[in-house]
């Protein structure tokens, strides 16, 4: 089930969804528009080797914009930092971006529950297009958020272990033993804020 704008706002209030910077004008009926950040990168070599670490060159998009060319693969990043602790985020290009012949992800359009960070954009174009940093619509991604129908016990091992290692292993083990989806999902939403609060207390 895709969250509506009302549900997205409710989850932001609860802390299970975080978008920084956040602009209410970017919230659609069932998605949130994120923007192209100020950095792009290209590979140093034209021939890439899947067995090697391919070096990349970072550069900042100038104020007057930057022209993307076909047959060059660009790596970008969203301006927004996002967190989704109880939902699965999907990021897709807006139709206005598609009409310009811009593809903004090759494979990685789906995030994991618990992902925290900026999204990497895998950008290619059909013909030369000038893009600008931090502009909405021209080079942005549309984030849709799906609600989980069941809890994810590995969430605690993958995303919380660095902050509360011992406790997260215990919690994860207990969550595996729960057989009721309703109880499991309720506990998942209940335990996450407690662990986050505990982590903030320890860090203070």
N, C-alpha and C. Protein backbone atom coordinates (compact mmCIF):
# COMPACT_ATOMS: atom_id res chain seq x y z
N UNK A 1 0.84 -1.19 0.00
CA UNK A 1 0.00 0.00 0.00
C UNK A 1 0.88 1.24 0.00
N UNK A 2 0.65 2.15 -0.94
CA UNK A 2 1.39 3.40 -1.00
C UNK A 2 0.79 4.39 -0.02
N UNK A 3 1.63 5.09 0.72
CA UNK A 3 1.13 6.06 1.69
C UNK A 3 0.59 7.30 1.00
N UNK A 4 -0.52 7.82 1.50
CA UNK A 4 -1.07 9.08 1.02
C UNK A 4 -0.30 10.23 1.66
N UNK A 5 -0.57 11.46 1.20
CA UNK A 5 0.09 12.62 1.79
C UNK A 5 -0.21 12.74 3.28
N UNK A 6 -1.45 12.44 3.66
CA UNK A 6 -1.82 12.51 5.08
C UNK A 6 -1.01 11.51 5.91
N UNK A 7 -0.87 10.28 5.39
CA UNK A 7 -0.12 9.26 6.12
C UNK A 7 1.37 9.60 6.17
N UNK A 8 1.90 10.16 5.10
CA UNK A 8 3.31 10.55 5.10
C UNK A 8 3.55 11.60 6.19
N UNK A 9 2.65 12.58 6.29
CA UNK A 9 2.79 13.60 7.32
C UNK A 9 2.69 13.00 8.72
N UNK A 10 1.79 12.04 8.89
CA UNK A 10 1.64 11.38 10.19
C UNK A 10 2.92 10.63 10.56
N UNK A 11 3.50 9.93 9.58
CA UNK A 11 4.72 9.16 9.86
C UNK A 11 5.90 10.09 10.13
N UNK A 12 5.93 11.25 9.48
CA UNK A 12 6.98 12.23 9.77
C UNK A 12 6.85 12.72 11.21
N UNK A 13 5.62 12.96 11.64
CA UNK A 13 5.38 13.39 13.02
C UNK A 13 5.82 12.31 14.02
N UNK A 14 5.60 11.06 13.66
CA UNK A 14 5.97 9.94 14.54
C UNK A 14 7.47 9.68 14.52
N UNK A 15 8.16 10.17 13.51
CA UNK A 15 9.60 9.96 13.42
C UNK A 15 10.02 8.73 12.63
N UNK A 16 9.06 7.99 12.05
CA UNK A 16 9.42 6.81 11.27
C UNK A 16 9.88 7.19 9.86
N UNK A 17 9.53 8.41 9.41
CA UNK A 17 10.01 8.95 8.14
C UNK A 17 10.68 10.29 8.41
N UNK A 18 11.84 10.50 7.81
CA UNK A 18 12.55 11.76 7.96
C UNK A 18 13.02 12.23 6.60
N UNK A 19 12.79 13.49 6.27
CA UNK A 19 13.24 14.10 5.03
C UNK A 19 13.86 15.44 5.36
N UNK A 20 15.15 15.60 5.04
CA UNK A 20 15.88 16.83 5.36
C UNK A 20 16.71 17.28 4.15
N UNK A 21 16.53 18.52 3.65
CA UNK A 21 15.53 19.50 4.07
C UNK A 21 14.13 19.11 3.62
N UNK A 22 13.13 19.56 4.36
CA UNK A 22 11.75 19.23 4.05
C UNK A 22 11.01 20.50 3.62
N UNK A 23 10.24 20.39 2.56
CA UNK A 23 9.43 21.49 2.05
C UNK A 23 8.02 20.97 1.80
N UNK A 24 7.05 21.52 2.50
CA UNK A 24 5.66 21.06 2.36
C UNK A 24 5.18 21.15 0.92
N UNK A 25 5.69 22.09 0.15
CA UNK A 25 5.27 22.25 -1.24
C UNK A 25 5.71 21.08 -2.12
N UNK A 26 6.68 20.31 -1.66
CA UNK A 26 7.19 19.17 -2.44
C UNK A 26 6.41 17.89 -2.17
N UNK A 27 5.48 17.94 -1.21
CA UNK A 27 4.68 16.76 -0.89
C UNK A 27 3.50 16.67 -1.85
N UNK A 28 3.46 15.56 -2.60
CA UNK A 28 2.35 15.33 -3.51
C UNK A 28 1.26 14.52 -2.84
N UNK A 29 0.30 14.05 -3.62
CA UNK A 29 -0.82 13.30 -3.06
C UNK A 29 -0.38 11.96 -2.49
N UNK A 30 0.67 11.37 -3.05
CA UNK A 30 1.16 10.09 -2.52
C UNK A 30 2.66 9.93 -2.76
N UNK A 31 3.39 11.04 -2.77
CA UNK A 31 4.83 10.98 -2.99
C UNK A 31 5.47 12.29 -2.53
N UNK A 32 6.80 12.31 -2.56
CA UNK A 32 7.54 13.53 -2.21
C UNK A 32 8.61 13.77 -3.26
N UNK A 33 8.66 14.98 -3.80
CA UNK A 33 9.66 15.32 -4.81
C UNK A 33 10.99 15.66 -4.14
N UNK A 34 12.04 14.93 -4.52
CA UNK A 34 13.38 15.26 -4.06
C UNK A 34 14.17 15.85 -5.21
N UNK A 35 15.29 16.47 -4.90
CA UNK A 35 16.00 17.29 -5.87
C UNK A 35 17.41 16.77 -6.14
N UNK A 36 17.91 17.14 -7.29
CA UNK A 36 19.29 16.84 -7.63
C UNK A 36 20.20 17.70 -6.75
N UNK A 37 21.16 17.05 -6.09
CA UNK A 37 22.12 17.78 -5.27
C UNK A 37 23.14 18.52 -6.13
N UNK A 38 24.11 19.13 -5.49
CA UNK A 38 25.06 19.99 -6.22
C UNK A 38 26.26 19.23 -6.79
N UNK A 39 26.39 17.93 -6.47
CA UNK A 39 27.56 17.17 -6.91
C UNK A 39 27.19 16.14 -7.97
N UNK A 40 28.06 16.02 -8.97
CA UNK A 40 28.00 14.95 -9.96
C UNK A 40 29.35 14.26 -9.99
N UNK A 41 29.37 13.07 -10.59
CA UNK A 41 30.62 12.35 -10.74
C UNK A 41 30.59 11.56 -12.04
N UNK A 42 31.76 11.39 -12.64
CA UNK A 42 31.91 10.55 -13.83
C UNK A 42 33.10 9.63 -13.62
N UNK A 43 33.11 8.51 -14.32
CA UNK A 43 34.23 7.58 -14.21
C UNK A 43 35.44 8.13 -14.95
N UNK A 44 36.62 7.88 -14.40
CA UNK A 44 37.85 8.36 -15.03
C UNK A 44 38.16 7.64 -16.33
N UNK A 45 37.80 6.36 -16.41
CA UNK A 45 38.09 5.56 -17.59
C UNK A 45 36.82 5.29 -18.38
N UNK A 46 36.95 5.29 -19.70
CA UNK A 46 35.78 4.98 -20.54
C UNK A 46 35.42 3.50 -20.44
N UNK A 47 36.45 2.64 -20.34
CA UNK A 47 36.23 1.20 -20.21
C UNK A 47 36.20 0.84 -18.73
N UNK A 48 35.05 0.36 -18.24
CA UNK A 48 34.90 -0.03 -16.85
C UNK A 48 35.16 -1.51 -16.69
N UNK A 49 35.71 -1.88 -15.54
CA UNK A 49 36.04 -3.27 -15.24
C UNK A 49 35.24 -3.71 -14.02
N UNK A 50 34.35 -4.69 -14.19
CA UNK A 50 33.48 -5.14 -13.11
C UNK A 50 34.24 -5.78 -11.96
N UNK A 51 35.49 -6.21 -12.18
CA UNK A 51 36.28 -6.84 -11.13
C UNK A 51 37.14 -5.84 -10.36
N UNK A 52 37.18 -4.61 -10.81
CA UNK A 52 38.06 -3.63 -10.19
C UNK A 52 37.25 -2.49 -9.56
N UNK A 53 37.96 -1.72 -8.74
CA UNK A 53 37.37 -0.50 -8.18
C UNK A 53 37.61 0.62 -9.19
N UNK A 54 36.56 1.03 -9.88
CA UNK A 54 36.68 2.05 -10.92
C UNK A 54 36.66 3.44 -10.29
N UNK A 55 37.71 4.22 -10.55
CA UNK A 55 37.84 5.53 -9.95
C UNK A 55 36.90 6.52 -10.60
N UNK A 56 36.40 7.47 -9.80
CA UNK A 56 35.48 8.49 -10.31
C UNK A 56 36.00 9.88 -9.98
N UNK A 57 35.52 10.85 -10.72
CA UNK A 57 35.90 12.24 -10.54
C UNK A 57 34.67 13.05 -10.14
N UNK A 58 34.73 13.69 -8.96
CA UNK A 58 33.62 14.50 -8.46
C UNK A 58 33.77 15.95 -8.93
N UNK A 59 32.66 16.59 -9.20
CA UNK A 59 32.69 18.02 -9.51
C UNK A 59 31.35 18.64 -9.13
N UNK A 60 31.39 19.92 -8.82
CA UNK A 60 30.18 20.63 -8.42
C UNK A 60 29.50 21.25 -9.63
N UNK A 61 28.18 21.13 -9.68
CA UNK A 61 27.43 21.74 -10.77
C UNK A 61 27.50 23.26 -10.62
N UNK A 62 27.95 23.96 -11.63
CA UNK A 62 28.04 25.43 -11.52
C UNK A 62 26.65 26.08 -11.50
N UNK A 63 26.61 27.34 -11.07
CA UNK A 63 25.34 28.05 -10.97
C UNK A 63 24.64 28.17 -12.31
N UNK A 64 25.41 28.27 -13.40
CA UNK A 64 24.81 28.41 -14.73
C UNK A 64 24.35 27.08 -15.31
N UNK A 65 24.50 25.98 -14.55
CA UNK A 65 24.06 24.67 -15.00
C UNK A 65 25.17 23.87 -15.65
N UNK A 66 24.88 22.63 -15.94
CA UNK A 66 25.86 21.73 -16.54
C UNK A 66 25.17 20.86 -17.58
N UNK A 67 25.81 20.68 -18.73
CA UNK A 67 25.21 19.93 -19.82
C UNK A 67 25.60 18.45 -19.71
N UNK A 68 24.59 17.58 -19.66
CA UNK A 68 24.81 16.14 -19.68
C UNK A 68 24.78 15.67 -21.13
N UNK A 69 25.68 14.74 -21.47
CA UNK A 69 25.78 14.25 -22.85
C UNK A 69 25.49 12.76 -22.91
N UNK A 70 24.93 12.30 -24.04
CA UNK A 70 24.72 10.85 -24.22
C UNK A 70 26.05 10.11 -24.21
N UNK A 71 25.97 8.80 -23.91
CA UNK A 71 27.12 7.91 -23.89
C UNK A 71 28.10 8.22 -22.74
N UNK A 72 27.67 9.07 -21.82
CA UNK A 72 28.44 9.31 -20.59
C UNK A 72 27.54 8.98 -19.42
N UNK A 73 28.05 8.17 -18.50
CA UNK A 73 27.27 7.76 -17.34
C UNK A 73 27.63 8.66 -16.17
N UNK A 74 26.64 9.30 -15.57
CA UNK A 74 26.85 10.24 -14.47
C UNK A 74 26.30 9.67 -13.17
N UNK A 75 26.99 9.94 -12.10
CA UNK A 75 26.50 9.62 -10.76
C UNK A 75 26.15 10.92 -10.06
N UNK A 76 24.93 10.99 -9.56
CA UNK A 76 24.50 12.17 -8.82
C UNK A 76 24.05 11.78 -7.43
N UNK A 77 23.54 12.73 -6.70
CA UNK A 77 23.08 12.48 -5.34
C UNK A 77 21.91 13.42 -5.06
N UNK A 78 20.96 12.95 -4.27
CA UNK A 78 19.83 13.81 -3.92
C UNK A 78 20.27 14.88 -2.93
N UNK A 79 19.62 16.02 -3.02
CA UNK A 79 19.85 17.08 -2.04
C UNK A 79 19.33 16.63 -0.68
N UNK A 80 18.24 15.86 -0.70
CA UNK A 80 17.59 15.45 0.55
C UNK A 80 18.26 14.23 1.19
N UNK A 81 18.32 14.27 2.49
CA UNK A 81 18.69 13.12 3.32
C UNK A 81 17.38 12.49 3.80
N UNK A 82 17.23 11.18 3.67
CA UNK A 82 15.98 10.54 4.06
C UNK A 82 16.23 9.38 5.01
N UNK A 83 15.23 9.12 5.84
CA UNK A 83 15.20 7.94 6.70
C UNK A 83 13.81 7.34 6.62
N UNK A 84 13.73 6.02 6.50
CA UNK A 84 12.45 5.31 6.51
C UNK A 84 12.61 4.08 7.39
N UNK A 85 12.15 4.18 8.63
CA UNK A 85 12.40 3.13 9.62
C UNK A 85 11.33 2.06 9.67
N UNK A 86 10.20 2.26 9.01
CA UNK A 86 9.15 1.23 9.05
C UNK A 86 8.47 1.10 7.69
N UNK A 87 9.08 1.66 6.64
CA UNK A 87 8.48 1.64 5.32
C UNK A 87 9.54 1.40 4.25
N UNK A 88 9.08 1.03 3.07
CA UNK A 88 9.98 0.79 1.93
C UNK A 88 9.86 1.94 0.95
N UNK A 89 10.93 2.72 0.74
CA UNK A 89 10.85 3.85 -0.20
C UNK A 89 11.20 3.44 -1.63
N UNK A 90 10.45 3.94 -2.58
CA UNK A 90 10.74 3.76 -4.00
C UNK A 90 11.00 5.15 -4.60
N UNK A 91 12.01 5.26 -5.44
CA UNK A 91 12.30 6.54 -6.08
C UNK A 91 12.22 6.38 -7.59
N UNK A 92 11.38 7.19 -8.20
CA UNK A 92 11.18 7.13 -9.64
C UNK A 92 11.28 8.54 -10.23
N UNK A 93 11.70 8.61 -11.48
CA UNK A 93 11.80 9.90 -12.14
C UNK A 93 10.42 10.47 -12.43
N UNK A 94 10.28 11.78 -12.35
CA UNK A 94 9.02 12.43 -12.70
C UNK A 94 8.84 12.41 -14.21
N UNK A 95 7.60 12.52 -14.62
CA UNK A 95 7.32 12.49 -16.06
C UNK A 95 7.98 13.65 -16.79
N UNK A 96 8.09 14.80 -16.12
CA UNK A 96 8.75 15.96 -16.74
C UNK A 96 10.23 15.68 -17.00
N UNK A 97 10.85 14.91 -16.10
CA UNK A 97 12.24 14.51 -16.30
C UNK A 97 12.35 13.51 -17.45
N UNK A 98 11.42 12.56 -17.49
CA UNK A 98 11.44 11.56 -18.56
C UNK A 98 11.24 12.17 -19.93
N UNK A 99 10.42 13.21 -20.03
CA UNK A 99 10.19 13.85 -21.32
C UNK A 99 11.43 14.57 -21.85
N UNK A 100 12.38 14.85 -20.97
CA UNK A 100 13.65 15.44 -21.39
C UNK A 100 14.66 14.37 -21.79
N UNK A 101 14.25 13.10 -21.68
CA UNK A 101 15.15 12.01 -22.05
C UNK A 101 16.17 11.69 -20.98
N UNK A 102 15.85 12.03 -19.71
CA UNK A 102 16.77 11.78 -18.60
C UNK A 102 16.33 10.54 -17.83
N UNK A 103 17.20 9.56 -17.73
CA UNK A 103 17.00 8.41 -16.85
C UNK A 103 17.78 8.68 -15.57
N UNK A 104 17.11 8.52 -14.43
CA UNK A 104 17.79 8.89 -13.18
C UNK A 104 18.17 7.70 -12.28
N UNK A 105 17.82 6.49 -12.69
CA UNK A 105 18.40 5.33 -11.99
C UNK A 105 18.41 4.13 -12.93
N UNK A 106 19.52 3.38 -12.88
CA UNK A 106 19.67 2.20 -13.72
C UNK A 106 19.03 0.98 -13.09
N UNK A 107 19.30 0.77 -11.79
CA UNK A 107 18.77 -0.41 -11.10
C UNK A 107 18.27 -0.11 -9.70
N UNK A 108 18.90 0.83 -9.02
CA UNK A 108 18.65 0.99 -7.58
C UNK A 108 17.52 1.95 -7.30
N UNK A 109 16.28 1.59 -7.67
CA UNK A 109 15.14 2.45 -7.43
C UNK A 109 14.39 2.16 -6.15
N UNK A 110 14.80 1.12 -5.44
CA UNK A 110 14.10 0.71 -4.21
C UNK A 110 15.07 0.75 -3.04
N UNK A 111 14.62 1.33 -1.94
CA UNK A 111 15.44 1.36 -0.74
C UNK A 111 15.03 0.26 0.23
N UNK A 112 15.83 0.09 1.26
CA UNK A 112 15.54 -0.89 2.30
C UNK A 112 14.85 -0.21 3.48
N UNK A 113 14.11 -0.99 4.23
CA UNK A 113 13.59 -0.51 5.50
C UNK A 113 14.78 -0.14 6.39
N UNK A 114 14.77 1.05 6.94
CA UNK A 114 15.86 1.48 7.81
C UNK A 114 16.97 2.24 7.12
N UNK A 115 16.88 2.39 5.79
CA UNK A 115 17.93 3.14 5.09
C UNK A 115 17.96 4.58 5.55
N UNK A 116 19.16 5.09 5.81
CA UNK A 116 19.36 6.48 6.22
C UNK A 116 20.48 7.07 5.37
N UNK A 117 20.18 8.10 4.60
CA UNK A 117 21.22 8.70 3.80
C UNK A 117 20.68 9.44 2.59
N UNK A 118 21.60 9.93 1.77
CA UNK A 118 21.26 10.55 0.50
C UNK A 118 21.21 9.45 -0.56
N UNK A 119 20.34 9.61 -1.54
CA UNK A 119 20.18 8.61 -2.60
C UNK A 119 21.14 8.87 -3.75
N UNK A 120 21.79 7.81 -4.22
CA UNK A 120 22.65 7.92 -5.39
C UNK A 120 21.79 7.85 -6.65
N UNK A 121 22.04 8.77 -7.58
CA UNK A 121 21.32 8.80 -8.85
C UNK A 121 22.24 8.28 -9.95
N UNK A 122 21.74 7.37 -10.75
CA UNK A 122 22.50 6.78 -11.86
C UNK A 122 21.94 7.39 -13.14
N UNK A 123 22.58 8.42 -13.63
CA UNK A 123 21.99 9.30 -14.64
C UNK A 123 22.56 9.05 -16.03
N UNK A 124 21.67 8.96 -17.00
CA UNK A 124 22.05 8.92 -18.41
C UNK A 124 21.00 9.70 -19.20
N UNK A 125 21.39 10.18 -20.38
CA UNK A 125 20.48 11.01 -21.17
C UNK A 125 20.45 10.53 -22.62
N UNK A 126 19.34 10.82 -23.29
CA UNK A 126 19.17 10.44 -24.69
C UNK A 126 19.76 11.47 -25.64
N UNK A 127 19.78 12.74 -25.21
CA UNK A 127 20.36 13.82 -25.99
C UNK A 127 20.89 14.85 -25.01
N UNK A 128 21.74 15.79 -25.45
CA UNK A 128 22.29 16.76 -24.50
C UNK A 128 21.20 17.53 -23.75
N UNK A 129 21.35 17.61 -22.42
CA UNK A 129 20.39 18.30 -21.56
C UNK A 129 21.16 19.09 -20.50
N UNK A 130 20.78 20.33 -20.30
CA UNK A 130 21.39 21.12 -19.23
C UNK A 130 20.58 20.93 -17.95
N UNK A 131 21.27 20.62 -16.86
CA UNK A 131 20.62 20.45 -15.56
C UNK A 131 21.21 21.44 -14.57
N UNK A 132 20.49 21.64 -13.48
CA UNK A 132 20.88 22.61 -12.47
C UNK A 132 20.80 21.96 -11.10
N UNK A 133 21.64 22.41 -10.20
CA UNK A 133 21.63 21.86 -8.85
C UNK A 133 20.44 22.37 -8.06
N UNK A 134 19.92 21.50 -7.21
CA UNK A 134 18.88 21.85 -6.24
C UNK A 134 17.63 22.45 -6.89
N UNK A 135 17.31 22.01 -8.11
CA UNK A 135 16.13 22.52 -8.76
C UNK A 135 15.06 21.44 -8.76
N UNK A 136 13.86 21.83 -8.46
CA UNK A 136 12.75 20.87 -8.38
C UNK A 136 12.14 20.67 -9.76
N UNK A 137 11.84 19.44 -10.09
CA UNK A 137 11.12 19.15 -11.32
C UNK A 137 12.04 18.84 -12.49
N UNK A 138 13.02 19.73 -12.79
CA UNK A 138 13.87 19.50 -13.94
C UNK A 138 14.74 18.26 -13.75
N UNK A 139 15.29 18.11 -12.58
CA UNK A 139 16.12 16.94 -12.30
C UNK A 139 15.83 16.48 -10.88
N UNK A 140 14.71 15.84 -10.73
CA UNK A 140 14.31 15.40 -9.39
C UNK A 140 13.78 13.99 -9.45
N UNK A 141 13.61 13.41 -8.28
CA UNK A 141 13.06 12.07 -8.18
C UNK A 141 11.80 12.12 -7.34
N UNK A 142 10.88 11.27 -7.68
CA UNK A 142 9.61 11.21 -6.96
C UNK A 142 9.66 10.02 -6.02
N UNK A 143 9.57 10.29 -4.75
CA UNK A 143 9.70 9.25 -3.73
C UNK A 143 8.32 8.77 -3.31
N UNK A 144 8.05 7.49 -3.53
CA UNK A 144 6.82 6.86 -3.05
C UNK A 144 7.18 5.92 -1.91
N UNK A 145 6.34 5.88 -0.89
CA UNK A 145 6.65 5.12 0.32
C UNK A 145 5.58 4.06 0.52
N UNK A 146 6.04 2.81 0.60
CA UNK A 146 5.13 1.68 0.75
C UNK A 146 5.11 1.22 2.20
N UNK A 147 3.92 0.88 2.67
CA UNK A 147 3.78 0.38 4.04
C UNK A 147 4.05 -1.12 4.07
N UNK A 148 4.76 -1.55 5.10
CA UNK A 148 5.02 -2.98 5.28
C UNK A 148 3.78 -3.67 5.84
N UNK A 149 3.50 -4.86 5.33
CA UNK A 149 2.40 -5.65 5.87
C UNK A 149 2.89 -6.59 6.98
N UNK A 150 4.20 -6.62 7.19
CA UNK A 150 4.77 -7.46 8.24
C UNK A 150 6.06 -6.81 8.70
N UNK A 151 6.51 -7.12 9.89
CA UNK A 151 7.74 -6.51 10.39
C UNK A 151 8.96 -7.17 9.75
N UNK A 152 10.08 -6.47 9.83
CA UNK A 152 11.35 -6.96 9.28
C UNK A 152 12.32 -7.16 10.43
N UNK A 153 12.55 -8.42 10.82
CA UNK A 153 13.39 -8.65 11.99
C UNK A 153 14.85 -8.31 11.73
N UNK A 154 15.33 -8.40 10.49
CA UNK A 154 16.73 -8.09 10.20
C UNK A 154 17.01 -6.60 10.29
N UNK A 155 15.98 -5.76 10.35
CA UNK A 155 16.17 -4.31 10.49
C UNK A 155 17.10 -4.02 11.66
N UNK A 156 16.86 -4.68 12.79
CA UNK A 156 17.61 -4.38 14.00
C UNK A 156 19.07 -4.79 13.87
N UNK A 157 19.35 -5.89 13.15
CA UNK A 157 20.72 -6.33 12.97
C UNK A 157 21.47 -5.43 11.98
N UNK A 158 20.78 -4.98 10.92
CA UNK A 158 21.46 -4.25 9.86
C UNK A 158 21.65 -2.77 10.19
N UNK A 159 20.60 -2.12 10.73
CA UNK A 159 20.62 -0.67 10.84
C UNK A 159 20.81 -0.14 12.25
N UNK A 160 20.67 -0.96 13.26
CA UNK A 160 20.78 -0.45 14.63
C UNK A 160 21.94 -1.05 15.40
N UNK A 161 22.60 -2.07 14.85
CA UNK A 161 23.61 -2.79 15.62
C UNK A 161 24.81 -1.93 15.96
N UNK A 162 25.20 -1.00 15.10
CA UNK A 162 26.34 -0.14 15.38
C UNK A 162 26.09 0.75 16.59
N UNK A 163 24.83 1.10 16.81
CA UNK A 163 24.49 2.00 17.90
C UNK A 163 24.24 1.26 19.21
N UNK A 164 23.54 0.14 19.12
CA UNK A 164 23.20 -0.64 20.32
C UNK A 164 23.41 -2.12 20.00
N UNK A 165 24.67 -2.56 19.87
CA UNK A 165 24.95 -3.90 19.33
C UNK A 165 24.33 -5.06 20.11
N UNK A 166 24.55 -5.12 21.42
CA UNK A 166 24.06 -6.26 22.18
C UNK A 166 22.55 -6.31 22.24
N UNK A 167 21.93 -5.18 22.51
CA UNK A 167 20.47 -5.12 22.64
C UNK A 167 19.79 -5.47 21.32
N UNK A 168 20.35 -5.02 20.20
CA UNK A 168 19.72 -5.26 18.90
C UNK A 168 19.71 -6.74 18.54
N UNK A 169 20.75 -7.46 18.92
CA UNK A 169 20.80 -8.90 18.65
C UNK A 169 19.70 -9.61 19.44
N UNK A 170 19.51 -9.22 20.69
CA UNK A 170 18.47 -9.81 21.53
C UNK A 170 17.10 -9.51 20.96
N UNK A 171 16.86 -8.23 20.60
CA UNK A 171 15.56 -7.84 20.05
C UNK A 171 15.28 -8.57 18.76
N UNK A 172 16.29 -8.68 17.89
CA UNK A 172 16.11 -9.37 16.62
C UNK A 172 15.75 -10.83 16.84
N UNK A 173 16.39 -11.47 17.79
CA UNK A 173 16.10 -12.87 18.08
C UNK A 173 14.66 -13.04 18.58
N UNK A 174 14.21 -12.12 19.43
CA UNK A 174 12.84 -12.19 19.94
C UNK A 174 11.82 -11.96 18.83
N UNK A 175 12.11 -11.03 17.92
CA UNK A 175 11.18 -10.72 16.83
C UNK A 175 11.02 -11.92 15.90
N UNK A 176 12.05 -12.72 15.75
CA UNK A 176 11.98 -13.90 14.87
C UNK A 176 10.97 -14.92 15.39
N UNK A 177 10.77 -14.92 16.72
CA UNK A 177 9.90 -15.92 17.32
C UNK A 177 8.43 -15.53 17.27
N UNK A 178 8.14 -14.29 16.92
CA UNK A 178 6.75 -13.83 16.88
C UNK A 178 6.07 -14.36 15.62
N UNK A 179 4.97 -14.99 15.75
CA UNK A 179 4.27 -15.60 14.62
C UNK A 179 3.09 -14.76 14.12
N UNK A 180 2.60 -13.84 14.94
CA UNK A 180 1.45 -13.03 14.56
C UNK A 180 1.91 -11.78 13.79
N UNK A 181 1.50 -11.60 12.54
CA UNK A 181 1.88 -10.39 11.80
C UNK A 181 1.43 -9.11 12.49
N UNK A 182 0.22 -9.11 13.04
CA UNK A 182 -0.30 -7.90 13.68
C UNK A 182 0.55 -7.51 14.89
N UNK A 183 0.86 -8.51 15.74
CA UNK A 183 1.67 -8.23 16.93
C UNK A 183 3.08 -7.83 16.52
N UNK A 184 3.63 -8.53 15.55
CA UNK A 184 4.99 -8.24 15.10
C UNK A 184 5.11 -6.84 14.54
N UNK A 185 4.16 -6.44 13.70
CA UNK A 185 4.20 -5.11 13.10
C UNK A 185 4.03 -4.03 14.17
N UNK A 186 3.14 -4.27 15.13
CA UNK A 186 2.94 -3.30 16.22
C UNK A 186 4.23 -3.13 17.02
N UNK A 187 4.87 -4.23 17.36
CA UNK A 187 6.11 -4.16 18.14
C UNK A 187 7.22 -3.48 17.36
N UNK A 188 7.24 -3.74 16.05
CA UNK A 188 8.25 -3.12 15.20
C UNK A 188 8.14 -1.60 15.29
N UNK A 189 6.92 -1.07 15.18
CA UNK A 189 6.71 0.37 15.26
C UNK A 189 6.96 0.89 16.68
N UNK A 190 6.76 0.05 17.68
CA UNK A 190 6.91 0.46 19.07
C UNK A 190 8.38 0.44 19.51
N UNK A 191 9.12 -0.57 19.06
CA UNK A 191 10.50 -0.75 19.51
C UNK A 191 11.45 0.24 18.85
N UNK A 192 11.21 0.57 17.56
CA UNK A 192 12.12 1.46 16.85
C UNK A 192 12.32 2.79 17.57
N UNK A 193 11.25 3.51 17.97
CA UNK A 193 11.46 4.79 18.68
C UNK A 193 12.22 4.62 19.99
N UNK A 194 11.98 3.51 20.70
CA UNK A 194 12.69 3.27 21.96
C UNK A 194 14.18 3.11 21.71
N UNK A 195 14.54 2.33 20.68
CA UNK A 195 15.95 2.13 20.37
C UNK A 195 16.60 3.43 19.91
N UNK A 196 15.89 4.20 19.12
CA UNK A 196 16.44 5.48 18.66
C UNK A 196 16.66 6.43 19.84
N UNK A 197 15.69 6.47 20.76
CA UNK A 197 15.81 7.34 21.93
C UNK A 197 16.99 6.89 22.80
N UNK A 198 17.14 5.58 22.97
CA UNK A 198 18.25 5.06 23.76
C UNK A 198 19.58 5.41 23.12
N UNK A 199 19.63 5.32 21.79
CA UNK A 199 20.86 5.65 21.08
C UNK A 199 21.24 7.12 21.26
N UNK A 200 20.23 8.01 21.22
CA UNK A 200 20.49 9.43 21.40
C UNK A 200 20.98 9.71 22.82
N UNK A 201 20.44 9.02 23.80
CA UNK A 201 20.87 9.21 25.19
C UNK A 201 22.33 8.79 25.36
N UNK A 202 22.70 7.66 24.75
CA UNK A 202 24.08 7.18 24.87
C UNK A 202 25.06 8.10 24.15
N UNK A 203 24.59 8.72 23.07
CA UNK A 203 25.47 9.59 22.29
C UNK A 203 25.65 10.97 22.96
N UNK A 204 24.70 11.32 23.82
CA UNK A 204 24.74 12.64 24.45
C UNK A 204 25.86 12.75 25.50
